Amino acid sequence: MHVVLPDGNRLDLPDGATGHDAAAAIGPGLAKAALAVRVGDEIRDLARPLADGEEIA
C-alpha cells in the first residue's frame, strides 16, 4: 500500500500500516513527536490503520 505526503511524494508502507508507521518511515524524530495524523480534513489517532492511496499530513 502507499500514502501520499503533502509534497506529493508517495510513501510505500506494508498493508495495515498506521499513522505511527508512516511517521516512523519518514524519520524517528517525527515518530517520537507526532501526536496525530491528518487524513484529508480529518484528524486521526496514530494507531488507526491507513488506507491505500490516502493523502496524509
Protein backbone atom coordinates (compact mmCIF):
# COMPACT_ATOMS: atom_id res chain seq x y z
CA MET A 1 0.00 0.00 0.00
CA HIS A 2 1.03 3.63 -0.25
CA VAL A 3 0.03 7.02 1.11
CA VAL A 4 0.62 10.43 -0.42
CA LEU A 5 2.61 13.02 1.52
CA PRO A 6 1.92 16.79 1.49
CA ASP A 7 4.70 17.37 -1.07
CA GLY A 8 3.07 14.84 -3.41
CA ASN A 9 5.63 12.10 -2.82
CA ARG A 10 4.43 8.55 -2.39
CA LEU A 11 5.35 6.62 0.77
CA ASP A 12 5.17 2.83 0.41
CA LEU A 13 4.07 1.02 3.57
CA PRO A 14 3.03 -2.54 4.45
CA ASP A 15 -0.68 -3.40 4.41
CA GLY A 16 -2.34 -2.39 7.67
CA ALA A 17 0.19 0.37 8.40
CA THR A 18 -0.87 3.04 10.87
CA GLY A 19 -0.19 6.75 11.10
CA HIS A 20 2.61 5.93 13.52
CA ASP A 21 4.14 3.53 11.00
CA ALA A 22 4.07 6.30 8.37
CA ALA A 23 5.72 8.76 10.76
CA ALA A 24 8.41 6.19 11.64
CA ALA A 25 9.07 5.55 7.95
CA ILE A 26 9.71 9.28 7.48
CA GLY A 27 12.03 9.52 10.48
CA PRO A 28 12.47 8.63 14.14
CA GLY A 29 12.14 12.25 15.24
CA LEU A 30 8.74 12.59 13.61
CA ALA A 31 7.61 9.25 15.04
CA LYS A 32 8.53 10.47 18.53
CA ALA A 33 6.99 13.96 18.14
CA ALA A 34 3.78 13.15 16.24
CA LEU A 35 0.52 13.33 18.17
CA ALA A 36 -1.95 12.59 15.35
CA VAL A 37 -2.16 12.25 11.58
CA ARG A 38 -4.28 14.36 9.25
CA VAL A 39 -6.01 12.36 6.52
CA GLY A 40 -7.74 14.78 4.19
CA ASP A 41 -9.69 17.10 6.52
CA GLU A 42 -9.87 14.57 9.36
CA ILE A 43 -7.52 14.35 12.36
CA ARG A 44 -6.93 10.71 13.32
CA ASP A 45 -5.25 8.78 16.09
CA LEU A 46 -1.81 7.48 15.09
CA ALA A 47 -2.87 3.91 15.92
CA ARG A 48 -5.63 3.87 13.29
CA PRO A 49 -4.74 1.95 10.12
CA LEU A 50 -4.32 3.95 6.92
CA ALA A 51 -5.95 3.03 3.62
CA ASP A 52 -4.16 2.68 0.32
CA GLY A 53 -3.82 5.99 -1.52
CA GLU A 54 -4.85 8.28 1.34
CA GLU A 55 -3.30 11.75 1.48
CA ILE A 56 -1.72 12.36 4.87
CA ALA A 57 -0.06 15.25 6.68
